[in-house]
Amino acid sequence: MRIRPEKVAHLMRREIAEIVLMQLRDPRMSKMMSVTDVEVTPDLSFARVYVSMLGDDAQRALSVKALQHAAGFIRRELGDRLGLREVPELRFMLDTSLDRGARVDELLRRIDQGEPPPDDAEDGA
């Protein structure tokens, strides 16, 4: 019987979130981090793990680097917890969708209040 990549991705998302929260103690990692999504290739060889966190760009980059450093440990834990013969190689990616959503909300708020939308150069976007 073959396990579907979507089911593996769902299980991995839940377990990775718990591993990061309960077992990783790297001081480089943001304390407010969440695993937002996991995408697994059809052959289950690679998984992109999307994370979202508070902090500035430098802190976020440092946190993603710390996660990538811990990827081997997380894979071993996943293998034990999920009983998979082959655990996908993990690639951690920063999920910026919440930032984009907040920017859209801010633009809509400004438009609703009659303010002109900001220049992209003005706000650093």
PDB file of N, CA and C in Angstrom:
ATOM      1  N   MET A   1       0.838  -1.185   0.000  1.00  0.00           N
ATOM      2  CA  MET A   1       0.000   0.000   0.000  1.00  0.00           C
ATOM      3  C   MET A   1       0.885   1.251   0.000  1.00  0.00           C
ATOM      4  N   ARG A   2       0.525   2.203  -0.816  1.00  0.00           N
ATOM      5  CA  ARG A   2       1.311   3.425  -0.976  1.00  0.00           C
ATOM      6  C   ARG A   2       0.637   4.575  -0.232  1.00  0.00           C
ATOM      7  N   ILE A   3       1.423   5.328   0.524  1.00  0.00           N
ATOM      8  CA  ILE A   3       0.894   6.464   1.276  1.00  0.00           C
ATOM      9  C   ILE A   3       0.903   7.682   0.360  1.00  0.00           C
ATOM     10  N   ARG A   4      -0.197   8.417   0.341  1.00  0.00           N
ATOM     11  CA  ARG A   4      -0.302   9.608  -0.489  1.00  0.00           C
ATOM     12  C   ARG A   4       0.560  10.737   0.075  1.00  0.00           C
ATOM     13  N   PRO A   5       1.223  11.500  -0.814  1.00  0.00           N
ATOM     14  CA  PRO A   5       2.069  12.616  -0.356  1.00  0.00           C
ATOM     15  C   PRO A   5       1.307  13.643   0.483  1.00  0.00           C
ATOM     16  N   GLU A   6       0.027  13.883   0.171  1.00  0.00           N
ATOM     17  CA  GLU A   6      -0.751  14.865   0.930  1.00  0.00           C
ATOM     18  C   GLU A   6      -0.931  14.423   2.385  1.00  0.00           C
ATOM     19  N   LYS A   7      -1.159  13.135   2.570  1.00  0.00           N
ATOM     20  CA  LYS A   7      -1.324  12.618   3.933  1.00  0.00           C
ATOM     21  C   LYS A   7      -0.003  12.696   4.702  1.00  0.00           C
ATOM     22  N   VAL A   8       1.091  12.344   4.035  1.00  0.00           N
ATOM     23  CA  VAL A   8       2.408  12.435   4.668  1.00  0.00           C
ATOM     24  C   VAL A   8       2.700  13.887   5.035  1.00  0.00           C
ATOM     25  N   ALA A   9       2.394  14.812   4.126  1.00  0.00           N
ATOM     26  CA  ALA A   9       2.640  16.235   4.380  1.00  0.00           C
ATOM     27  C   ALA A   9       1.853  16.715   5.596  1.00  0.00           C
ATOM     28  N   HIS A  10       0.605  16.313   5.696  1.00  0.00           N
ATOM     29  CA  HIS A  10      -0.228  16.713   6.840  1.00  0.00           C
ATOM     30  C   HIS A  10       0.350  16.177   8.156  1.00  0.00           C
ATOM     31  N   LEU A  11       0.711  14.915   8.156  1.00  0.00           N
ATOM     32  CA  LEU A  11       1.291  14.310   9.365  1.00  0.00           C
ATOM     33  C   LEU A  11       2.626  14.958   9.723  1.00  0.00           C
ATOM     34  N   MET A  12       3.444  15.234   8.704  1.00  0.00           N
ATOM     35  CA  MET A  12       4.745  15.858   8.943  1.00  0.00           C
ATOM     36  C   MET A  12       4.582  17.255   9.531  1.00  0.00           C
ATOM     37  N   ARG A  13       3.626  18.018   9.024  1.00  0.00           N
ATOM     38  CA  ARG A  13       3.410  19.376   9.527  1.00  0.00           C
ATOM     39  C   ARG A  13       3.122  19.367  11.012  1.00  0.00           C
ATOM     40  N   ARG A  14       2.238  18.480  11.413  1.00  0.00           N
ATOM     41  CA  ARG A  14       1.873  18.384  12.832  1.00  0.00           C
ATOM     42  C   ARG A  14       3.064  17.951  13.684  1.00  0.00           C
ATOM     43  N   GLU A  15       3.784  16.935  13.244  1.00  0.00           N
ATOM     44  CA  GLU A  15       4.898  16.407  14.029  1.00  0.00           C
ATOM     45  C   GLU A  15       6.085  17.364  14.063  1.00  0.00           C
ATOM     46  N   ILE A  16       6.393  18.004  12.935  1.00  0.00           N
ATOM     47  CA  ILE A  16       7.509  18.964  12.922  1.00  0.00           C
ATOM     48  C   ILE A  16       7.215  20.119  13.867  1.00  0.00           C
ATOM     49  N   ALA A  17       5.975  20.601  13.856  1.00  0.00           N
ATOM     50  CA  ALA A  17       5.607  21.695  14.765  1.00  0.00           C
ATOM     51  C   ALA A  17       5.839  21.293  16.215  1.00  0.00           C
ATOM     52  N   GLU A  18       5.471  20.075  16.564  1.00  0.00           N
ATOM     53  CA  GLU A  18       5.663  19.607  17.940  1.00  0.00           C
ATOM     54  C   GLU A  18       7.150  19.431  18.271  1.00  0.00           C
ATOM     55  N   ILE A  19       7.916  18.885  17.341  1.00  0.00           N
ATOM     56  CA  ILE A  19       9.351  18.694  17.565  1.00  0.00           C
ATOM     57  C   ILE A  19      10.032  20.041  17.779  1.00  0.00           C
ATOM     58  N   VAL A  20       9.720  21.014  16.924  1.00  0.00           N
ATOM     59  CA  VAL A  20      10.333  22.343  17.033  1.00  0.00           C
ATOM     60  C   VAL A  20       9.967  22.987  18.364  1.00  0.00           C
ATOM     61  N   LEU A  21       8.715  22.869  18.742  1.00  0.00           N
ATOM     62  CA  LEU A  21       8.247  23.499  19.976  1.00  0.00           C
ATOM     63  C   LEU A  21       8.815  22.822  21.227  1.00  0.00           C
ATOM     64  N   MET A  22       8.825  21.499  21.253  1.00  0.00           N
ATOM     65  CA  MET A  22       9.138  20.780  22.474  1.00  0.00           C
ATOM     66  C   MET A  22      10.593  20.307  22.604  1.00  0.00           C
ATOM     67  N   GLN A  23      11.294  20.135  21.479  1.00  0.00           N
ATOM     68  CA  GLN A  23      12.593  19.484  21.582  1.00  0.00           C
ATOM     69  C   GLN A  23      13.788  20.323  21.132  1.00  0.00           C
ATOM     70  N   LEU A  24      13.577  21.303  20.276  1.00  0.00           N
ATOM     71  CA  LEU A  24      14.708  22.103  19.815  1.00  0.00           C
ATOM     72  C   LEU A  24      14.988  23.230  20.791  1.00  0.00           C
ATOM     73  N   ARG A  25      16.244  23.409  21.117  1.00  0.00           N
ATOM     74  CA  ARG A  25      16.654  24.424  22.086  1.00  0.00           C
ATOM     75  C   ARG A  25      17.740  25.323  21.525  1.00  0.00           C
ATOM     76  N   ASP A  26      17.668  25.649  20.259  1.00  0.00           N
ATOM     77  CA  ASP A  26      18.675  26.489  19.619  1.00  0.00           C
ATOM     78  C   ASP A  26      18.357  27.954  19.906  1.00  0.00           C
ATOM     79  N   PRO A  27      19.279  28.700  20.509  1.00  0.00           N
ATOM     80  CA  PRO A  27      19.005  30.107  20.846  1.00  0.00           C
ATOM     81  C   PRO A  27      18.841  31.003  19.621  1.00  0.00           C
ATOM     82  N   ARG A  28      19.251  30.521  18.442  1.00  0.00           N
ATOM     83  CA  ARG A  28      19.089  31.323  17.224  1.00  0.00           C
ATOM     84  C   ARG A  28      17.647  31.345  16.735  1.00  0.00           C
ATOM     85  N   MET A  29      16.833  30.413  17.214  1.00  0.00           N
ATOM     86  CA  MET A  29      15.467  30.288  16.705  1.00  0.00           C
ATOM     87  C   MET A  29      14.506  31.233  17.400  1.00  0.00           C
ATOM     88  N   SER A  30      13.589  31.749  16.609  1.00  0.00           N
ATOM     89  CA  SER A  30      12.534  32.604  17.129  1.00  0.00           C
ATOM     90  C   SER A  30      11.648  31.778  18.063  1.00  0.00           C
ATOM     91  N   LYS A  31      11.227  32.379  19.162  1.00  0.00           N
ATOM     92  CA  LYS A  31      10.346  31.681  20.112  1.00  0.00           C
ATOM     93  C   LYS A  31       8.917  31.581  19.575  1.00  0.00           C
ATOM     94  N   MET A  32       8.549  32.515  18.720  1.00  0.00           N
ATOM     95  CA  MET A  32       7.202  32.549  18.152  1.00  0.00           C
ATOM     96  C   MET A  32       7.260  32.067  16.700  1.00  0.00           C
ATOM     97  N   MET A  33       7.284  30.754  16.522  1.00  0.00           N
ATOM     98  CA  MET A  33       7.394  30.166  15.199  1.00  0.00           C
ATOM     99  C   MET A  33       6.275  29.159  15.007  1.00  0.00           C
ATOM    100  N   SER A  34       5.772  29.095  13.773  1.00  0.00           N
ATOM    101  CA  SER A  34       4.782  28.067  13.478  1.00  0.00           C
ATOM    102  C   SER A  34       5.073  27.467  12.106  1.00  0.00           C
ATOM    103  N   VAL A  35       4.762  26.186  11.979  1.00  0.00           N
ATOM    104  CA  VAL A  35       4.892  25.488  10.709  1.00  0.00           C
ATOM    105  C   VAL A  35       3.574  25.699   9.979  1.00  0.00           C
ATOM    106  N   THR A  36       3.627  26.412   8.855  1.00  0.00           N
ATOM    107  CA  THR A  36       2.388  26.767   8.162  1.00  0.00           C
ATOM    108  C   THR A  36       1.997  25.766   7.090  1.00  0.00           C
ATOM    109  N   ASP A  37       2.979  25.087   6.487  1.00  0.00           N
ATOM    110  CA  ASP A  37       2.649  24.150   5.420  1.00  0.00           C
ATOM    111  C   ASP A  37       3.838  23.232   5.177  1.00  0.00           C
ATOM    112  N   VAL A  38       3.551  22.069   4.610  1.00  0.00           N
ATOM    113  CA  VAL A  38       4.585  21.141   4.156  1.00  0.00           C
ATOM    114  C   VAL A  38       4.156  20.646   2.787  1.00  0.00           C
ATOM    115  N   GLU A  39       5.062  20.726   1.829  1.00  0.00           N
ATOM    116  CA  GLU A  39       4.824  20.200   0.482  1.00  0.00           C
ATOM    117  C   GLU A  39       5.802  19.056   0.259  1.00  0.00           C
ATOM    118  N   VAL A  40       5.285  17.891  -0.097  1.00  0.00           N
ATOM    119  CA  VAL A  40       6.112  16.698  -0.297  1.00  0.00           C
ATOM    120  C   VAL A  40       6.059  16.317  -1.774  1.00  0.00           C
ATOM    121  N   THR A  41       7.219  15.969  -2.335  1.00  0.00           N
ATOM    122  CA  THR A  41       7.253  15.527  -3.731  1.00  0.00           C
ATOM    123  C   THR A  41       6.508  14.198  -3.853  1.00  0.00           C
ATOM    124  N   PRO A  42       5.993  13.887  -5.047  1.00  0.00           N
ATOM    125  CA  PRO A  42       5.232  12.636  -5.234  1.00  0.00           C
ATOM    126  C   PRO A  42       5.999  11.376  -4.850  1.00  0.00           C
ATOM    127  N   ASP A  43       7.340  11.388  -5.014  1.00  0.00           N
ATOM    128  CA  ASP A  43       8.119  10.199  -4.656  1.00  0.00           C
ATOM    129  C   ASP A  43       8.572  10.213  -3.194  1.00  0.00           C
ATOM    130  N   LEU A  44       8.104  11.202  -2.415  1.00  0.00           N
ATOM    131  CA  LEU A  44       8.393  11.343  -0.984  1.00  0.00           C
ATOM    132  C   LEU A  44       9.888  11.500  -0.681  1.00  0.00           C
ATOM    133  N   SER A  45      10.655  12.041  -1.635  1.00  0.00           N
ATOM    134  CA  SER A  45      12.087  12.190  -1.395  1.00  0.00           C
ATOM    135  C   SER A  45      12.450  13.554  -0.801  1.00  0.00           C
ATOM    136  N   PHE A  46      11.659  14.580  -1.082  1.00  0.00           N
ATOM    137  CA  PHE A  46      11.932  15.919  -0.564  1.00  0.00           C
ATOM    138  C   PHE A  46      10.661  16.521   0.017  1.00  0.00           C
ATOM    139  N   ALA A  47      10.853  17.372   1.019  1.00  0.00           N
ATOM    140  CA  ALA A  47       9.730  18.104   1.601  1.00  0.00           C
ATOM    141  C   ALA A  47      10.159  19.546   1.848  1.00  0.00           C
ATOM    142  N   ARG A  48       9.334  20.458   1.389  1.00  0.00           N
ATOM    143  CA  ARG A  48       9.528  21.872   1.719  1.00  0.00           C
ATOM    144  C   ARG A  48       8.660  22.156   2.930  1.00  0.00           C
ATOM    145  N   VAL A  49       9.302  22.655   3.972  1.00  0.00           N
ATOM    146  CA  VAL A  49       8.607  22.966   5.215  1.00  0.00           C
ATOM    147  C   VAL A  49       8.568  24.489   5.341  1.00  0.00           C
ATOM    148  N   TYR A  50       7.367  25.054   5.297  1.00  0.00           N
ATOM    149  CA  TYR A  50       7.200  26.501   5.378  1.00  0.00           C
ATOM    150  C   TYR A  50       6.948  26.904   6.822  1.00  0.00           C
ATOM    151  N   VAL A  51       7.730  27.878   7.277  1.00  0.00           N
ATOM    152  CA  VAL A  51       7.597  28.358   8.647  1.00  0.00           C
ATOM    153  C   VAL A  51       7.345  29.863   8.648  1.00  0.00           C
ATOM    154  N   SER A  52       6.589  30.298   9.618  1.00  0.00           N
ATOM    155  CA  SER A  52       6.303  31.706   9.810  1.00  0.00           C
ATOM    156  C   SER A  52       6.707  32.062  11.228  1.00  0.00           C
ATOM    157  N   MET A  53       7.236  33.282  11.398  1.00  0.00           N
ATOM    158  CA  MET A  53       7.691  33.673  12.731  1.00  0.00           C
ATOM    159  C   MET A  53       7.729  35.177  12.864  1.00  0.00           C
ATOM    160  N   LEU A  54       7.755  35.606  14.097  1.00  0.00           N
ATOM    161  CA  LEU A  54       7.918  37.019  14.392  1.00  0.00           C
ATOM    162  C   LEU A  54       9.397  37.372  14.354  1.00  0.00           C
ATOM    163  N   GLY A  55       9.680  38.652  14.159  1.00  0.00           N
ATOM    164  CA  GLY A  55      11.054  39.120  14.169  1.00  0.00           C
ATOM    165  C   GLY A  55      11.402  39.846  12.893  1.00  0.00           C
ATOM    166  N   ASP A  56      12.563  40.482  12.901  1.00  0.00           N
ATOM    167  CA  ASP A  56      13.009  41.186  11.707  1.00  0.00           C
ATOM    168  C   ASP A  56      13.607  40.189  10.719  1.00  0.00           C
ATOM    169  N   ASP A  57      13.968  40.682   9.547  1.00  0.00           N
ATOM    170  CA  ASP A  57      14.475  39.801   8.491  1.00  0.00           C
ATOM    171  C   ASP A  57      15.723  39.035   8.919  1.00  0.00           C
ATOM    172  N   ALA A  58      16.613  39.697   9.650  1.00  0.00           N
ATOM    173  CA  ALA A  58      17.844  39.029  10.094  1.00  0.00           C
ATOM    174  C   ALA A  58      17.524  37.892  11.069  1.00  0.00           C
ATOM    175  N   GLN A  59      16.619  38.128  12.002  1.00  0.00           N
ATOM    176  CA  GLN A  59      16.232  37.096  12.968  1.00  0.00           C
ATOM    177  C   GLN A  59      15.543  35.928  12.266  1.00  0.00           C
ATOM    178  N   ARG A  60      14.692  36.230  11.302  1.00  0.00           N
ATOM    179  CA  ARG A  60      14.015  35.172  10.552  1.00  0.00           C
ATOM    180  C   ARG A  60      15.014  34.308   9.794  1.00  0.00           C
ATOM    181  N   ALA A  61      15.964  34.957   9.122  1.00  0.00           N
ATOM    182  CA  ALA A  61      16.977  34.216   8.365  1.00  0.00           C
ATOM    183  C   ALA A  61      17.806  33.328   9.295  1.00  0.00           C
ATOM    184  N   LEU A  62      18.143  33.850  10.463  1.00  0.00           N
ATOM    185  CA  LEU A  62      18.903  33.079  11.443  1.00  0.00           C
ATOM    186  C   LEU A  62      18.091  31.872  11.930  1.00  0.00           C
ATOM    187  N   SER A  63      16.812  32.062  12.146  1.00  0.00           N
ATOM    188  CA  SER A  63      15.945  30.966  12.589  1.00  0.00           C
ATOM    189  C   SER A  63      15.833  29.876  11.532  1.00  0.00           C
ATOM    190  N   VAL A  64      15.682  30.274  10.272  1.00  0.00           N
ATOM    191  CA  VAL A  64      15.601  29.283   9.188  1.00  0.00           C
ATOM    192  C   VAL A  64      16.923  28.525   9.084  1.00  0.00           C
ATOM    193  N   LYS A  65      18.035  29.228   9.253  1.00  0.00           N
ATOM    194  CA  LYS A  65      19.350  28.572   9.224  1.00  0.00           C
ATOM    195  C   LYS A  65      19.470  27.558  10.370  1.00  0.00           C
ATOM    196  N   ALA A  66      18.981  27.921  11.548  1.00  0.00           N
ATOM    197  CA  ALA A  66      19.012  27.006  12.694  1.00  0.00           C
ATOM    198  C   ALA A  66      18.149  25.778  12.424  1.00  0.00           C
ATOM    199  N   LEU A  67      16.995  25.975  11.810  1.00  0.00           N
ATOM    200  CA  LEU A  67      16.129  24.839  11.469  1.00  0.00           C
ATOM    201  C   LEU A  67      16.817  23.921  10.462  1.00  0.00           C
ATOM    202  N   GLN A  68      17.458  24.509   9.462  1.00  0.00           N
ATOM    203  CA  GLN A  68      18.141  23.697   8.464  1.00  0.00           C
ATOM    204  C   GLN A  68      19.275  22.907   9.112  1.00  0.00           C
ATOM    205  N   HIS A  69      19.937  23.519  10.090  1.00  0.00           N
ATOM    206  CA  HIS A  69      20.997  22.838  10.829  1.00  0.00           C
ATOM    207  C   HIS A  69      20.446  21.638  11.617  1.00  0.00           C
ATOM    208  N   ALA A  70      19.216  21.758  12.100  1.00  0.00           N
ATOM    209  CA  ALA A  70      18.582  20.698  12.891  1.00  0.00           C
ATOM    210  C   ALA A  70      17.801  19.701  12.034  1.00  0.00           C
ATOM    211  N   ALA A  71      17.858  19.843  10.716  1.00  0.00           N
ATOM    212  CA  ALA A  71      17.046  19.008   9.825  1.00  0.00           C
ATOM    213  C   ALA A  71      17.304  17.516  10.016  1.00  0.00           C
ATOM    214  N   GLY A  72      18.547  17.113  10.226  1.00  0.00           N
ATOM    215  CA  GLY A  72      18.853  15.694  10.426  1.00  0.00           C
ATOM    216  C   GLY A  72      18.182  15.143  11.671  1.00  0.00           C
ATOM    217  N   PHE A  73      18.248  15.900  12.758  1.00  0.00           N
ATOM    218  CA  PHE A  73      17.590  15.492  13.997  1.00  0.00           C
ATOM    219  C   PHE A  73      16.075  15.391  13.791  1.00  0.00           C
ATOM    220  N   ILE A  74      15.506  16.384  13.125  1.00  0.00           N
ATOM    221  CA  ILE A  74      14.060  16.388  12.891  1.00  0.00           C
ATOM    222  C   ILE A  74      13.662  15.202  12.019  1.00  0.00           C
ATOM    223  N   ARG A  75      14.452  14.879  11.006  1.00  0.00           N
ATOM    224  CA  ARG A  75      14.160  13.715  10.151  1.00  0.00           C
ATOM    225  C   ARG A  75      14.159  12.423  10.955  1.00  0.00           C
ATOM    226  N   ARG A  76      15.157  12.257  11.840  1.00  0.00           N
ATOM    227  CA  ARG A  76      15.206  11.038  12.663  1.00  0.00           C
ATOM    228  C   ARG A  76      13.963  10.943  13.547  1.00  0.00           C
ATOM    229  N   GLU A  77      13.591  12.054  14.152  1.00  0.00           N
ATOM    230  CA  GLU A  77      12.394  12.071  14.991  1.00  0.00           C
ATOM    231  C   GLU A  77      11.151  11.730  14.172  1.00  0.00           C
ATOM    232  N   LEU A  78      11.050  12.276  12.977  1.00  0.00           N
ATOM    233  CA  LEU A  78       9.899  11.980  12.119  1.00  0.00           C
ATOM    234  C   LEU A  78       9.849  10.500  11.757  1.00  0.00           C
ATOM    235  N   GLY A  79      10.998   9.936  11.455  1.00  0.00           N
ATOM    236  CA  GLY A  79      11.046   8.511  11.128  1.00  0.00           C
ATOM    237  C   GLY A  79      10.526   7.663  12.274  1.00  0.00           C
ATOM    238  N   ASP A  80      10.936   8.003  13.496  1.00  0.00           N
ATOM    239  CA  ASP A  80      10.464   7.260  14.666  1.00  0.00           C
ATOM    240  C   ASP A  80       8.965   7.454  14.890  1.00  0.00           C
ATOM    241  N   ARG A  81       8.512   8.694  14.783  1.00  0.00           N
ATOM    242  CA  ARG A  81       7.115   9.009  15.092  1.00  0.00           C
ATOM    243  C   ARG A  81       6.139   8.516  14.032  1.00  0.00           C
ATOM    244  N   LEU A  82       6.518   8.623  12.759  1.00  0.00           N
ATOM    245  CA  LEU A  82       5.591   8.290  11.675  1.00  0.00           C
ATOM    246  C   LEU A  82       5.790   6.881  11.128  1.00  0.00           C
ATOM    247  N   GLY A  83       6.872   6.232  11.500  1.00  0.00           N
ATOM    248  CA  GLY A  83       7.112   4.868  11.034  1.00  0.00           C
ATOM    249  C   GLY A  83       7.359   4.777   9.537  1.00  0.00           C
ATOM    250  N   LEU A  84       7.948   5.825   8.963  1.00  0.00           N
ATOM    251  CA  LEU A  84       8.241   5.809   7.532  1.00  0.00           C
ATOM    252  C   LEU A  84       9.584   5.131   7.287  1.00  0.00           C
ATOM    253  N   ARG A  85       9.645   4.330   6.227  1.00  0.00           N
ATOM    254  CA  ARG A  85      10.918   3.713   5.857  1.00  0.00           C
ATOM    255  C   ARG A  85      11.893   4.763   5.373  1.00  0.00           C
ATOM    256  N   GLU A  86      11.419   5.636   4.515  1.00  0.00           N
ATOM    257  CA  GLU A  86      12.235   6.730   3.987  1.00  0.00           C
ATOM    258  C   GLU A  86      11.578   8.042   4.375  1.00  0.00           C
ATOM    259  N   VAL A  87      12.303   8.860   5.120  1.00  0.00           N
ATOM    260  CA  VAL A  87      11.796  10.171   5.511  1.00  0.00           C
ATOM    261  C   VAL A  87      12.317  11.184   4.497  1.00  0.00           C
ATOM    262  N   PRO A  88      11.448  12.025   3.963  1.00  0.00           N
ATOM    263  CA  PRO A  88      11.897  13.009   2.965  1.00  0.00           C
ATOM    264  C   PRO A  88      12.986  13.926   3.513  1.00  0.00           C
ATOM    265  N   GLU A  89      13.871  14.354   2.624  1.00  0.00           N
ATOM    266  CA  GLU A  89      14.865  15.366   2.988  1.00  0.00           C
ATOM    267  C   GLU A  89      14.116  16.673   3.213  1.00  0.00           C
ATOM    268  N   LEU A  90      14.451  17.359   4.296  1.00  0.00           N
ATOM    269  CA  LEU A  90      13.720  18.567   4.676  1.00  0.00           C
ATOM    270  C   LEU A  90      14.432  19.823   4.201  1.00  0.00           C
ATOM    271  N   ARG A  91      13.667  20.725   3.628  1.00  0.00           N
ATOM    272  CA  ARG A  91      14.156  22.055   3.258  1.00  0.00           C
ATOM    273  C   ARG A  91      13.230  23.063   3.912  1.00  0.00           C
ATOM    274  N   PHE A  92      13.781  23.877   4.773  1.00  0.00           N
ATOM    275  CA  PHE A  92      12.972  24.863   5.482  1.00  0.00           C
ATOM    276  C   PHE A  92      12.951  26.171   4.697  1.00  0.00           C
ATOM    277  N   MET A  93      11.745  26.719   4.560  1.00  0.00           N
ATOM    278  CA  MET A  93      11.531  27.944   3.792  1.00  0.00           C
ATOM    279  C   MET A  93      10.724  28.914   4.649  1.00  0.00           C
ATOM    280  N   LEU A  94      11.040  30.185   4.512  1.00  0.00           N
ATOM    281  CA  LEU A  94      10.300  31.210   5.231  1.00  0.00           C
ATOM    282  C   LEU A  94       8.992  31.477   4.500  1.00  0.00           C
ATOM    283  N   ASP A  95       7.886  31.396   5.210  1.00  0.00           N
ATOM    284  CA  ASP A  95       6.561  31.671   4.653  1.00  0.00           C
ATOM    285  C   ASP A  95       6.254  33.148   4.884  1.00  0.00           C
ATOM    286  N   THR A  96       6.205  33.904   3.815  1.00  0.00           N
ATOM    287  CA  THR A  96       5.958  35.344   3.927  1.00  0.00           C
ATOM    288  C   THR A  96       4.511  35.702   3.605  1.00  0.00           C
ATOM    289  N   SER A  97       3.640  34.730   3.480  1.00  0.00           N
ATOM    290  CA  SER A  97       2.253  35.015   3.108  1.00  0.00           C
ATOM    291  C   SER A  97       1.552  35.875   4.156  1.00  0.00           C
ATOM    292  N   LEU A  98       1.875  35.692   5.438  1.00  0.00           N
ATOM    293  CA  LEU A  98       1.245  36.523   6.469  1.00  0.00           C
ATOM    294  C   LEU A  98       1.676  37.977   6.334  1.00  0.00           C
ATOM    295  N   ASP A  99       2.955  38.199   5.992  1.00  0.00           N
ATOM    296  CA  ASP A  99       3.450  39.562   5.779  1.00  0.00           C
ATOM    297  C   ASP A  99       2.744  40.207   4.591  1.00  0.00           C
ATOM    298  N   ARG A 100       2.606  39.440   3.508  1.00  0.00           N
ATOM    299  CA  ARG A 100       1.915  39.987   2.328  1.00  0.00           C
ATOM    300  C   ARG A 100       0.467  40.288   2.655  1.00  0.00           C
ATOM    301  N   GLY A 101      -0.183  39.428   3.414  1.00  0.00           N
ATOM    302  CA  GLY A 101      -1.567  39.665   3.810  1.00  0.00           C
ATOM    303  C   GLY A 101      -1.710  40.911   4.671  1.00  0.00           C
ATOM    304  N   ALA A 102      -0.772  41.113   5.585  1.00  0.00           N
ATOM    305  CA  ALA A 102      -0.812  42.307   6.438  1.00  0.00           C
ATOM    306  C   ALA A 102      -0.617  43.562   5.605  1.00  0.00           C
ATOM    307  N   ARG A 103       0.252  43.495   4.601  1.00  0.00           N
ATOM    308  CA  ARG A 103       0.472  44.646   3.726  1.00  0.00           C
ATOM    309  C   ARG A 103      -0.795  44.966   2.937  1.00  0.00           C
ATOM    310  N   VAL A 104      -1.458  43.948   2.411  1.00  0.00           N
ATOM    311  CA  VAL A 104      -2.701  44.170   1.671  1.00  0.00           C
ATOM    312  C   VAL A 104      -3.757  44.784   2.594  1.00  0.00           C
ATOM    313  N   ASP A 105      -3.864  44.265   3.813  1.00  0.00           N
ATOM    314  CA  ASP A 105      -4.817  44.836   4.778  1.00  0.00           C
ATOM    315  C   ASP A 105      -4.529  46.306   5.043  1.00  0.00           C
ATOM    316  N   GLU A 106      -3.247  46.640   5.200  1.00  0.00           N
ATOM    317  CA  GLU A 106      -2.862  48.038   5.445  1.00  0.00           C
ATOM    318  C   GLU A 106      -3.209  48.918   4.250  1.00  0.00           C
ATOM    319  N   LEU A 107      -2.945  48.444   3.049  1.00  0.00           N
ATOM    320  CA  LEU A 107      -3.282  49.212   1.852  1.00  0.00           C
ATOM    321  C   LEU A 107      -4.793  49.424   1.741  1.00  0.00           C
ATOM    322  N   LEU A 108      -5.560  48.386   2.006  1.00  0.00           N
ATOM    323  CA  LEU A 108      -7.020  48.507   1.957  1.00  0.00           C
ATOM    324  C   LEU A 108      -7.533  49.466   3.027  1.00  0.00           C
ATOM    325  N   ARG A 109      -6.931  49.436   4.205  1.00  0.00           N
ATOM    326  CA  ARG A 109      -7.330  50.358   5.271  1.00  0.00           C
ATOM    327  C   ARG A 109      -7.073  51.799   4.853  1.00  0.00           C
ATOM    328  N   ARG A 110      -5.905  52.043   4.258  1.00  0.00           N
ATOM    329  CA  ARG A 110      -5.565  53.400   3.808  1.00  0.00           C
ATOM    330  C   ARG A 110      -6.541  53.882   2.735  1.00  0.00           C
ATOM    331  N   ILE A 111      -6.831  53.017   1.795  1.00  0.00           N
ATOM    332  CA  ILE A 111      -7.759  53.383   0.720  1.00  0.00           C
ATOM    333  C   ILE A 111      -9.141  53.680   1.303  1.00  0.00           C
ATOM    334  N   ASP A 112      -9.592  52.854   2.244  1.00  0.00           N
ATOM    335  CA  ASP A 112     -10.893  53.038   2.887  1.00  0.00           C
ATOM    336  C   ASP A 112     -10.973  54.368   3.635  1.00  0.00           C
ATOM    337  N   GLN A 113      -9.849  54.820   4.194  1.00  0.00           N
ATOM    338  CA  GLN A 113      -9.812  56.081   4.936  1.00  0.00           C
ATOM    339  C   GLN A 113      -9.509  57.273   4.036  1.00  0.00           C
ATOM    340  N   GLY A 114      -9.396  57.026   2.725  1.00  0.00           N
ATOM    341  CA  GLY A 114      -9.161  58.112   1.791  1.00  0.00           C
ATOM    342  C   GLY A 114      -7.719  58.545   1.677  1.00  0.00           C
ATOM    343  N   GLU A 115      -6.805  57.782   2.253  1.00  0.00           N
ATOM    344  CA  GLU A 115      -5.383  58.112   2.163  1.00  0.00           C
ATOM    345  C   GLU A 115      -4.833  57.569   0.848  1.00  0.00           C
ATOM    346  N   PRO A 116      -3.856  58.266   0.269  1.00  0.00           N
ATOM    347  CA  PRO A 116      -3.245  57.716  -0.946  1.00  0.00           C
ATOM    348  C   PRO A 116      -2.384  56.505  -0.591  1.00  0.00           C
ATOM    349  N   PRO A 117      -2.339  55.508  -1.460  1.00  0.00           N
ATOM    350  CA  PRO A 117      -1.449  54.363  -1.190  1.00  0.00           C
ATOM    351  C   PRO A 117      -0.007  54.825  -1.220  1.00  0.00           C
ATOM    352  N   PRO A 118       0.844  54.251  -0.382  1.00  0.00           N
ATOM    353  CA  PRO A 118       2.247  54.682  -0.330  1.00  0.00           C
ATOM    354  C   PRO A 118       3.001  54.238  -1.559  1.00  0.00           C
ATOM    355  N   ASP A 119       4.080  54.975  -1.888  1.00  0.00           N
ATOM    356  CA  ASP A 119       5.002  54.523  -2.925  1.00  0.00           C
ATOM    357  C   ASP A 119       5.704  53.284  -2.406  1.00  0.00           C
ATOM    358  N   ASP A 120       6.002  52.347  -3.293  1.00  0.00           N
ATOM    359  CA  ASP A 120       6.728  51.146  -2.865  1.00  0.00           C
ATOM    360  C   ASP A 120       8.103  51.495  -2.331  1.00  0.00           C
ATOM    361  N   ALA A 121       8.738  52.519  -2.880  1.00  0.00           N
ATOM    362  CA  ALA A 121      10.071  52.920  -2.423  1.00  0.00           C
ATOM    363  C   ALA A 121       9.982  53.523  -1.025  1.00  0.00           C
ATOM    364  N   GLU A 122       8.862  54.159  -0.711  1.00  0.00           N
ATOM    365  CA  GLU A 122       8.696  54.818   0.593  1.00  0.00           C
ATOM    366  C   GLU A 122       8.659  53.835   1.747  1.00  0.00           C
ATOM    367  N   ASP A 123       7.967  52.696   1.566  1.00  0.00           N
ATOM    368  CA  ASP A 123       7.806  51.756   2.682  1.00  0.00           C
ATOM    369  C   ASP A 123       8.712  50.545   2.580  1.00  0.00           C
ATOM    370  N   GLY A 124       9.639  50.530   1.652  1.00  0.00           N
ATOM    371  CA  GLY A 124      10.627  49.461   1.602  1.00  0.00           C
ATOM    372  C   GLY A 124      10.169  48.198   0.937  1.00  0.00           C
ATOM    373  N   ALA A 125       9.001  48.193   0.292  1.00  0.00           N
ATOM    374  CA  ALA A 125       8.502  46.973  -0.349  1.00  0.00           C
ATOM    375  C   ALA A 125       9.082  46.761  -1.712  1.00  0.00           C
TER     376      ALA A 125
END
